[in-house]
Amino acid sequence: TTHTSWRRRRRVHETLVDQLPERGYGDDSGSLGAG
């Protein structure tokens, strides 16, 4: 419920890009499939 509330009020503070990089910085997902 808090996440839902935040999403409703959230303003975009990030720079939006058309494509995500192949692998993000600090990606600790462990495997390519999980990412």
ModelCIF file with pLDDT and N, C-alpha, C, O atoms, coordinates in Angstrom:
data_MODEL
#
_entry.id   MODEL 
#
_entity.id                         1 
_entity.type                       polymer 
_entity.pdbx_number_of_molecules   1 
#
_entity_poly.entity_id                      1 
_entity_poly.type                           'polypeptide(L)' 
_entity_poly.nstd_linkage                   no 
_entity_poly.nstd_monomer                   no 
_entity_poly.pdbx_seq_one_letter_code       TTHTSWRRRRRVHETLVDQLPERGYGDDSGSLGAG 
_entity_poly.pdbx_seq_one_letter_code_can   TTHTSWRRRRRVHETLVDQLPERGYGDDSGSLGAG 
_entity_poly.pdbx_strand_id                 A 
#
loop_
_entity_poly_seq.entity_id 
_entity_poly_seq.num 
_entity_poly_seq.mon_id 
_entity_poly_seq.hetero 
1 1  THR n 
1 2  THR n 
1 3  HIS n 
1 4  THR n 
1 5  SER n 
1 6  TRP n 
1 7  ARG n 
1 8  ARG n 
1 9  ARG n 
1 10 ARG n 
1 11 ARG n 
1 12 VAL n 
1 13 HIS n 
1 14 GLU n 
1 15 THR n 
1 16 LEU n 
1 17 VAL n 
1 18 ASP n 
1 19 GLN n 
1 20 LEU n 
1 21 PRO n 
1 22 GLU n 
1 23 ARG n 
1 24 GLY n 
1 25 TYR n 
1 26 GLY n 
1 27 ASP n 
1 28 ASP n 
1 29 SER n 
1 30 GLY n 
1 31 SER n 
1 32 LEU n 
1 33 GLY n 
1 34 ALA n 
1 35 GLY n 
#
_struct_asym.id          A 
_struct_asym.entity_id   1 
#
loop_
_ma_qa_metric.id 
_ma_qa_metric.mode 
_ma_qa_metric.name 
_ma_qa_metric.software_group_id 
_ma_qa_metric.type 
1 global pLDDT . pLDDT 
2 local  pLDDT . pLDDT 
#
_ma_qa_metric_global.metric_id      1 
_ma_qa_metric_global.metric_value   64.91 
_ma_qa_metric_global.model_id       1 
_ma_qa_metric_global.ordinal_id     1 
#
loop_
_ma_qa_metric_local.label_asym_id 
_ma_qa_metric_local.label_comp_id 
_ma_qa_metric_local.label_seq_id 
_ma_qa_metric_local.metric_id 
_ma_qa_metric_local.metric_value 
_ma_qa_metric_local.model_id 
_ma_qa_metric_local.ordinal_id 
A THR 1  2 91.00 1 1  
A THR 2  2 92.00 1 2  
A HIS 3  2 91.00 1 3  
A THR 4  2 86.00 1 4  
A SER 5  2 86.00 1 5  
A TRP 6  2 83.00 1 6  
A ARG 7  2 78.00 1 7  
A ARG 8  2 76.00 1 8  
A ARG 9  2 72.00 1 9  
A ARG 10 2 63.00 1 10 
A ARG 11 2 55.00 1 11 
A VAL 12 2 53.00 1 12 
A HIS 13 2 56.00 1 13 
A GLU 14 2 58.00 1 14 
A THR 15 2 62.00 1 15 
A LEU 16 2 61.00 1 16 
A VAL 17 2 68.00 1 17 
A ASP 18 2 71.00 1 18 
A GLN 19 2 72.00 1 19 
A LEU 20 2 66.00 1 20 
A PRO 21 2 61.00 1 21 
A GLU 22 2 65.00 1 22 
A ARG 23 2 56.00 1 23 
A GLY 24 2 49.00 1 24 
A TYR 25 2 47.00 1 25 
A GLY 26 2 47.00 1 26 
A ASP 27 2 47.00 1 27 
A ASP 28 2 48.00 1 28 
A SER 29 2 45.00 1 29 
A GLY 30 2 48.00 1 30 
A SER 31 2 51.00 1 31 
A LEU 32 2 52.00 1 32 
A GLY 33 2 63.00 1 33 
A ALA 34 2 73.00 1 34 
A GLY 35 2 80.00 1 35 
#
loop_
_atom_site.group_PDB 
_atom_site.id 
_atom_site.type_symbol 
_atom_site.label_atom_id 
_atom_site.label_alt_id 
_atom_site.label_comp_id 
_atom_site.label_asym_id 
_atom_site.label_entity_id 
_atom_site.label_seq_id 
_atom_site.pdbx_PDB_ins_code 
_atom_site.Cartn_x 
_atom_site.Cartn_y 
_atom_site.Cartn_z 
_atom_site.occupancy 
_atom_site.B_iso_or_equiv 
_atom_site.pdbx_formal_charge 
_atom_site.auth_seq_id 
_atom_site.auth_comp_id 
_atom_site.auth_asym_id 
_atom_site.auth_atom_id 
_atom_site.pdbx_PDB_model_num 
ATOM 1   N N  . THR A 1 1  ? 0.825  -1.213  0.000   1.00 91.00 ? 1  THR A N  1 
ATOM 2   C CA . THR A 1 1  ? 0.000  0.000   0.000   1.00 91.00 ? 1  THR A CA 1 
ATOM 3   C C  . THR A 1 1  ? 0.859  1.264   0.000   1.00 91.00 ? 1  THR A C  1 
ATOM 4   O O  . THR A 1 1  ? 0.503  2.257   -0.634  1.00 91.00 ? 1  THR A O  1 
ATOM 5   N N  . THR A 1 2  ? 1.981  1.229   0.703   1.00 92.00 ? 2  THR A N  1 
ATOM 6   C CA . THR A 1 2  ? 2.882  2.383   0.701   1.00 92.00 ? 2  THR A CA 1 
ATOM 7   C C  . THR A 1 2  ? 3.492  2.569   -0.684  1.00 92.00 ? 2  THR A C  1 
ATOM 8   O O  . THR A 1 2  ? 3.610  3.692   -1.173  1.00 92.00 ? 2  THR A O  1 
ATOM 9   N N  . HIS A 1 3  ? 3.877  1.463   -1.312  1.00 91.00 ? 3  HIS A N  1 
ATOM 10  C CA . HIS A 1 3  ? 4.428  1.554   -2.672  1.00 91.00 ? 3  HIS A CA 1 
ATOM 11  C C  . HIS A 1 3  ? 3.397  2.121   -3.632  1.00 91.00 ? 3  HIS A C  1 
ATOM 12  O O  . HIS A 1 3  ? 3.722  2.967   -4.466  1.00 91.00 ? 3  HIS A O  1 
ATOM 13  N N  . THR A 1 4  ? 2.165  1.666   -3.524  1.00 86.00 ? 4  THR A N  1 
ATOM 14  C CA . THR A 1 4  ? 1.093  2.184   -4.376  1.00 86.00 ? 4  THR A CA 1 
ATOM 15  C C  . THR A 1 4  ? 0.904  3.679   -4.144  1.00 86.00 ? 4  THR A C  1 
ATOM 16  O O  . THR A 1 4  ? 0.751  4.443   -5.097  1.00 86.00 ? 4  THR A O  1 
ATOM 17  N N  . SER A 1 5  ? 0.915  4.090   -2.899  1.00 86.00 ? 5  SER A N  1 
ATOM 18  C CA . SER A 1 5  ? 0.764  5.501   -2.554  1.00 86.00 ? 5  SER A CA 1 
ATOM 19  C C  . SER A 1 5  ? 1.923  6.326   -3.125  1.00 86.00 ? 5  SER A C  1 
ATOM 20  O O  . SER A 1 5  ? 1.709  7.408   -3.671  1.00 86.00 ? 5  SER A O  1 
ATOM 21  N N  . TRP A 1 6  ? 3.135  5.815   -2.999  1.00 83.00 ? 6  TRP A N  1 
ATOM 22  C CA . TRP A 1 6  ? 4.290  6.522   -3.532  1.00 83.00 ? 6  TRP A CA 1 
ATOM 23  C C  . TRP A 1 6  ? 4.192  6.656   -5.048  1.00 83.00 ? 6  TRP A C  1 
ATOM 24  O O  . TRP A 1 6  ? 4.516  7.705   -5.604  1.00 83.00 ? 6  TRP A O  1 
ATOM 25  N N  . ARG A 1 7  ? 3.749  5.604   -5.711  1.00 78.00 ? 7  ARG A N  1 
ATOM 26  C CA . ARG A 1 7  ? 3.655  5.644   -7.176  1.00 78.00 ? 7  ARG A CA 1 
ATOM 27  C C  . ARG A 1 7  ? 2.626  6.683   -7.628  1.00 78.00 ? 7  ARG A C  1 
ATOM 28  O O  . ARG A 1 7  ? 2.802  7.324   -8.664  1.00 78.00 ? 7  ARG A O  1 
ATOM 29  N N  . ARG A 1 8  ? 1.571  6.846   -6.861  1.00 76.00 ? 8  ARG A N  1 
ATOM 30  C CA . ARG A 1 8  ? 0.548  7.827   -7.228  1.00 76.00 ? 8  ARG A CA 1 
ATOM 31  C C  . ARG A 1 8  ? 1.060  9.253   -7.093  1.00 76.00 ? 8  ARG A C  1 
ATOM 32  O O  . ARG A 1 8  ? 0.715  10.119  -7.897  1.00 76.00 ? 8  ARG A O  1 
ATOM 33  N N  . ARG A 1 9  ? 1.886  9.500   -6.072  1.00 72.00 ? 9  ARG A N  1 
ATOM 34  C CA . ARG A 1 9  ? 2.377  10.847  -5.806  1.00 72.00 ? 9  ARG A CA 1 
ATOM 35  C C  . ARG A 1 9  ? 3.731  11.136  -6.430  1.00 72.00 ? 9  ARG A C  1 
ATOM 36  O O  . ARG A 1 9  ? 4.167  12.287  -6.459  1.00 72.00 ? 9  ARG A O  1 
ATOM 37  N N  . ARG A 1 10 ? 4.387  10.127  -6.917  1.00 63.00 ? 10 ARG A N  1 
ATOM 38  C CA . ARG A 1 10 ? 5.777  10.240  -7.354  1.00 63.00 ? 10 ARG A CA 1 
ATOM 39  C C  . ARG A 1 10 ? 5.946  11.168  -8.557  1.00 63.00 ? 10 ARG A C  1 
ATOM 40  O O  . ARG A 1 10 ? 5.196  11.114  -9.532  1.00 63.00 ? 10 ARG A O  1 
ATOM 41  N N  . ARG A 1 11 ? 6.928  11.987  -8.446  1.00 55.00 ? 11 ARG A N  1 
ATOM 42  C CA . ARG A 1 11 ? 7.357  12.795  -9.577  1.00 55.00 ? 11 ARG A CA 1 
ATOM 43  C C  . ARG A 1 11 ? 8.612  12.135  -10.123 1.00 55.00 ? 11 ARG A C  1 
ATOM 44  O O  . ARG A 1 11 ? 9.398  11.567  -9.365  1.00 55.00 ? 11 ARG A O  1 
ATOM 45  N N  . VAL A 1 12 ? 8.797  12.205  -11.393 1.00 53.00 ? 12 VAL A N  1 
ATOM 46  C CA . VAL A 1 12 ? 9.957  11.582  -12.001 1.00 53.00 ? 12 VAL A CA 1 
ATOM 47  C C  . VAL A 1 12 ? 11.187 12.448  -11.729 1.00 53.00 ? 12 VAL A C  1 
ATOM 48  O O  . VAL A 1 12 ? 11.239 13.611  -12.128 1.00 53.00 ? 12 VAL A O  1 
ATOM 49  N N  . HIS A 1 13 ? 12.172 11.869  -11.047 1.00 56.00 ? 13 HIS A N  1 
ATOM 50  C CA . HIS A 1 13 ? 13.419 12.559  -10.746 1.00 56.00 ? 13 HIS A CA 1 
ATOM 51  C C  . HIS A 1 13 ? 14.581 11.976  -11.540 1.00 56.00 ? 13 HIS A C  1 
ATOM 52  O O  . HIS A 1 13 ? 15.712 12.448  -11.423 1.00 56.00 ? 13 HIS A O  1 
ATOM 53  N N  . GLU A 1 14 ? 14.315 10.974  -12.332 1.00 58.00 ? 14 GLU A N  1 
ATOM 54  C CA . GLU A 1 14 ? 15.356 10.331  -13.104 1.00 58.00 ? 14 GLU A CA 1 
ATOM 55  C C  . GLU A 1 14 ? 15.373 10.896  -14.510 1.00 58.00 ? 14 GLU A C  1 
ATOM 56  O O  . GLU A 1 14 ? 14.421 11.532  -14.962 1.00 58.00 ? 14 GLU A O  1 
ATOM 57  N N  . THR A 1 15 ? 16.470 10.649  -15.180 1.00 62.00 ? 15 THR A N  1 
ATOM 58  C CA . THR A 1 15 ? 16.555 10.974  -16.582 1.00 62.00 ? 15 THR A CA 1 
ATOM 59  C C  . THR A 1 15 ? 16.086 9.749   -17.347 1.00 62.00 ? 15 THR A C  1 
ATOM 60  O O  . THR A 1 15 ? 16.661 8.669   -17.208 1.00 62.00 ? 15 THR A O  1 
ATOM 61  N N  . LEU A 1 16 ? 15.059 9.909   -18.142 1.00 61.00 ? 16 LEU A N  1 
ATOM 62  C CA . LEU A 1 16 ? 14.503 8.795   -18.872 1.00 61.00 ? 16 LEU A CA 1 
ATOM 63  C C  . LEU A 1 16 ? 15.279 8.572   -20.166 1.00 61.00 ? 16 LEU A C  1 
ATOM 64  O O  . LEU A 1 16 ? 15.655 9.527   -20.847 1.00 61.00 ? 16 LEU A O  1 
ATOM 65  N N  . VAL A 1 17 ? 15.514 7.317   -20.495 1.00 68.00 ? 17 VAL A N  1 
ATOM 66  C CA . VAL A 1 17 ? 16.213 6.958   -21.727 1.00 68.00 ? 17 VAL A CA 1 
ATOM 67  C C  . VAL A 1 17 ? 15.343 6.002   -22.527 1.00 68.00 ? 17 VAL A C  1 
ATOM 68  O O  . VAL A 1 17 ? 14.474 5.325   -21.977 1.00 68.00 ? 17 VAL A O  1 
ATOM 69  N N  . ASP A 1 18 ? 15.587 5.955   -23.836 1.00 71.00 ? 18 ASP A N  1 
ATOM 70  C CA . ASP A 1 18 ? 14.803 5.071   -24.695 1.00 71.00 ? 18 ASP A CA 1 
ATOM 71  C C  . ASP A 1 18 ? 15.129 3.605   -24.468 1.00 71.00 ? 18 ASP A C  1 
ATOM 72  O O  . ASP A 1 18 ? 14.234 2.760   -24.474 1.00 71.00 ? 18 ASP A O  1 
ATOM 73  N N  . GLN A 1 19 ? 16.411 3.296   -24.267 1.00 72.00 ? 19 GLN A N  1 
ATOM 74  C CA . GLN A 1 19 ? 16.820 1.904   -24.082 1.00 72.00 ? 19 GLN A CA 1 
ATOM 75  C C  . GLN A 1 19 ? 17.643 1.785   -22.813 1.00 72.00 ? 19 GLN A C  1 
ATOM 76  O O  . GLN A 1 19 ? 18.439 2.662   -22.480 1.00 72.00 ? 19 GLN A O  1 
ATOM 77  N N  . LEU A 1 20 ? 17.435 0.682   -22.115 1.00 66.00 ? 20 LEU A N  1 
ATOM 78  C CA . LEU A 1 20 ? 18.240 0.401   -20.940 1.00 66.00 ? 20 LEU A CA 1 
ATOM 79  C C  . LEU A 1 20 ? 19.599 -0.117  -21.389 1.00 66.00 ? 20 LEU A C  1 
ATOM 80  O O  . LEU A 1 20 ? 19.695 -0.762  -22.433 1.00 66.00 ? 20 LEU A O  1 
ATOM 81  N N  . PRO A 1 21 ? 20.651 0.153   -20.619 1.00 61.00 ? 21 PRO A N  1 
ATOM 82  C CA . PRO A 1 21 ? 21.943 -0.422  -20.967 1.00 61.00 ? 21 PRO A CA 1 
ATOM 83  C C  . PRO A 1 21 ? 21.891 -1.940  -20.819 1.00 61.00 ? 21 PRO A C  1 
ATOM 84  O O  . PRO A 1 21 ? 21.046 -2.472  -20.098 1.00 61.00 ? 21 PRO A O  1 
ATOM 85  N N  . GLU A 1 22 ? 22.794 -2.628  -21.501 1.00 65.00 ? 22 GLU A N  1 
ATOM 86  C CA . GLU A 1 22 ? 22.818 -4.097  -21.434 1.00 65.00 ? 22 GLU A CA 1 
ATOM 87  C C  . GLU A 1 22 ? 22.908 -4.572  -19.996 1.00 65.00 ? 22 GLU A C  1 
ATOM 88  O O  . GLU A 1 22 ? 22.226 -5.523  -19.613 1.00 65.00 ? 22 GLU A O  1 
ATOM 89  N N  . ARG A 1 23 ? 23.732 -3.929  -19.202 1.00 56.00 ? 23 ARG A N  1 
ATOM 90  C CA . ARG A 1 23 ? 23.861 -4.303  -17.803 1.00 56.00 ? 23 ARG A CA 1 
ATOM 91  C C  . ARG A 1 23 ? 24.070 -3.028  -17.007 1.00 56.00 ? 23 ARG A C  1 
ATOM 92  O O  . ARG A 1 23 ? 24.985 -2.257  -17.294 1.00 56.00 ? 23 ARG A O  1 
ATOM 93  N N  . GLY A 1 24 ? 23.221 -2.802  -16.003 1.00 49.00 ? 24 GLY A N  1 
ATOM 94  C CA . GLY A 1 24 ? 23.311 -1.595  -15.204 1.00 49.00 ? 24 GLY A CA 1 
ATOM 95  C C  . GLY A 1 24 ? 24.439 -1.658  -14.203 1.00 49.00 ? 24 GLY A C  1 
ATOM 96  O O  . GLY A 1 24 ? 24.945 -2.734  -13.882 1.00 49.00 ? 24 GLY A O  1 
ATOM 97  N N  . TYR A 1 25 ? 24.832 -0.494  -13.711 1.00 47.00 ? 25 TYR A N  1 
ATOM 98  C CA . TYR A 1 25 ? 25.851 -0.432  -12.680 1.00 47.00 ? 25 TYR A CA 1 
ATOM 99  C C  . TYR A 1 25 ? 25.275 -0.969  -11.387 1.00 47.00 ? 25 TYR A C  1 
ATOM 100 O O  . TYR A 1 25 ? 24.113 -0.721  -11.064 1.00 47.00 ? 25 TYR A O  1 
ATOM 101 N N  . GLY A 1 26 ? 26.089 -1.705  -10.649 1.00 47.00 ? 26 GLY A N  1 
ATOM 102 C CA . GLY A 1 26 ? 25.646 -2.245  -9.373  1.00 47.00 ? 26 GLY A CA 1 
ATOM 103 C C  . GLY A 1 26 ? 24.607 -3.322  -9.513  1.00 47.00 ? 26 GLY A C  1 
ATOM 104 O O  . GLY A 1 26 ? 23.868 -3.595  -8.568  1.00 47.00 ? 26 GLY A O  1 
ATOM 105 N N  . ASP A 1 27 ? 24.534 -3.941  -10.671 1.00 47.00 ? 27 ASP A N  1 
ATOM 106 C CA . ASP A 1 27 ? 23.558 -5.011  -10.888 1.00 47.00 ? 27 ASP A CA 1 
ATOM 107 C C  . ASP A 1 27 ? 24.024 -6.248  -10.153 1.00 47.00 ? 27 ASP A C  1 
ATOM 108 O O  . ASP A 1 27 ? 24.939 -6.942  -10.597 1.00 47.00 ? 27 ASP A O  1 
ATOM 109 N N  . ASP A 1 28 ? 23.392 -6.518  -9.029  1.00 48.00 ? 28 ASP A N  1 
ATOM 110 C CA . ASP A 1 28 ? 23.782 -7.680  -8.244  1.00 48.00 ? 28 ASP A CA 1 
ATOM 111 C C  . ASP A 1 28 ? 22.738 -8.784  -8.375  1.00 48.00 ? 28 ASP A C  1 
ATOM 112 O O  . ASP A 1 28 ? 22.530 -9.560  -7.443  1.00 48.00 ? 28 ASP A O  1 
ATOM 113 N N  . SER A 1 29 ? 22.090 -8.854  -9.519  1.00 45.00 ? 29 SER A N  1 
ATOM 114 C CA . SER A 1 29 ? 21.044 -9.854  -9.720  1.00 45.00 ? 29 SER A CA 1 
ATOM 115 C C  . SER A 1 29 ? 21.617 -11.255 -9.792  1.00 45.00 ? 29 SER A C  1 
ATOM 116 O O  . SER A 1 29 ? 20.884 -12.230 -9.629  1.00 45.00 ? 29 SER A O  1 
ATOM 117 N N  . GLY A 1 30 ? 22.921 -11.373 -10.036 1.00 48.00 ? 30 GLY A N  1 
ATOM 118 C CA . GLY A 1 30 ? 23.552 -12.680 -9.975  1.00 48.00 ? 30 GLY A CA 1 
ATOM 119 C C  . GLY A 1 30 ? 23.631 -13.386 -11.304 1.00 48.00 ? 30 GLY A C  1 
ATOM 120 O O  . GLY A 1 30 ? 24.640 -14.034 -11.581 1.00 48.00 ? 30 GLY A O  1 
ATOM 121 N N  . SER A 1 31 ? 22.639 -13.295 -12.120 1.00 51.00 ? 31 SER A N  1 
ATOM 122 C CA . SER A 1 31 ? 22.699 -13.991 -13.400 1.00 51.00 ? 31 SER A CA 1 
ATOM 123 C C  . SER A 1 31 ? 21.998 -13.169 -14.467 1.00 51.00 ? 31 SER A C  1 
ATOM 124 O O  . SER A 1 31 ? 21.145 -12.332 -14.173 1.00 51.00 ? 31 SER A O  1 
ATOM 125 N N  . LEU A 1 32 ? 22.368 -13.419 -15.690 1.00 52.00 ? 32 LEU A N  1 
ATOM 126 C CA . LEU A 1 32 ? 21.772 -12.702 -16.801 1.00 52.00 ? 32 LEU A CA 1 
ATOM 127 C C  . LEU A 1 32 ? 20.278 -12.983 -16.880 1.00 52.00 ? 32 LEU A C  1 
ATOM 128 O O  . LEU A 1 32 ? 19.498 -12.075 -17.169 1.00 52.00 ? 32 LEU A O  1 
ATOM 129 N N  . GLY A 1 33 ? 19.862 -14.226 -16.628 1.00 63.00 ? 33 GLY A N  1 
ATOM 130 C CA . GLY A 1 33 ? 18.444 -14.582 -16.679 1.00 63.00 ? 33 GLY A CA 1 
ATOM 131 C C  . GLY A 1 33 ? 17.629 -13.856 -15.634 1.00 63.00 ? 33 GLY A C  1 
ATOM 132 O O  . GLY A 1 33 ? 16.508 -13.422 -15.902 1.00 63.00 ? 33 GLY A O  1 
ATOM 133 N N  . ALA A 1 34 ? 18.191 -13.721 -14.437 1.00 73.00 ? 34 ALA A N  1 
ATOM 134 C CA . ALA A 1 34 ? 17.477 -13.011 -13.373 1.00 73.00 ? 34 ALA A CA 1 
ATOM 135 C C  . ALA A 1 34 ? 17.343 -11.538 -13.724 1.00 73.00 ? 34 ALA A C  1 
ATOM 136 O O  . ALA A 1 34 ? 16.307 -10.928 -13.456 1.00 73.00 ? 34 ALA A O  1 
ATOM 137 N N  . GLY A 1 35 ? 18.387 -10.958 -14.323 1.00 80.00 ? 35 GLY A N  1 
ATOM 138 C CA . GLY A 1 35 ? 18.328 -9.556  -14.730 1.00 80.00 ? 35 GLY A CA 1 
ATOM 139 C C  . GLY A 1 35 ? 17.276 -9.341  -15.799 1.00 80.00 ? 35 GLY A C  1 
ATOM 140 O O  . GLY A 1 35 ? 17.087 -8.216  -16.263 1.00 80.00 ? 35 GLY A O  1 
#
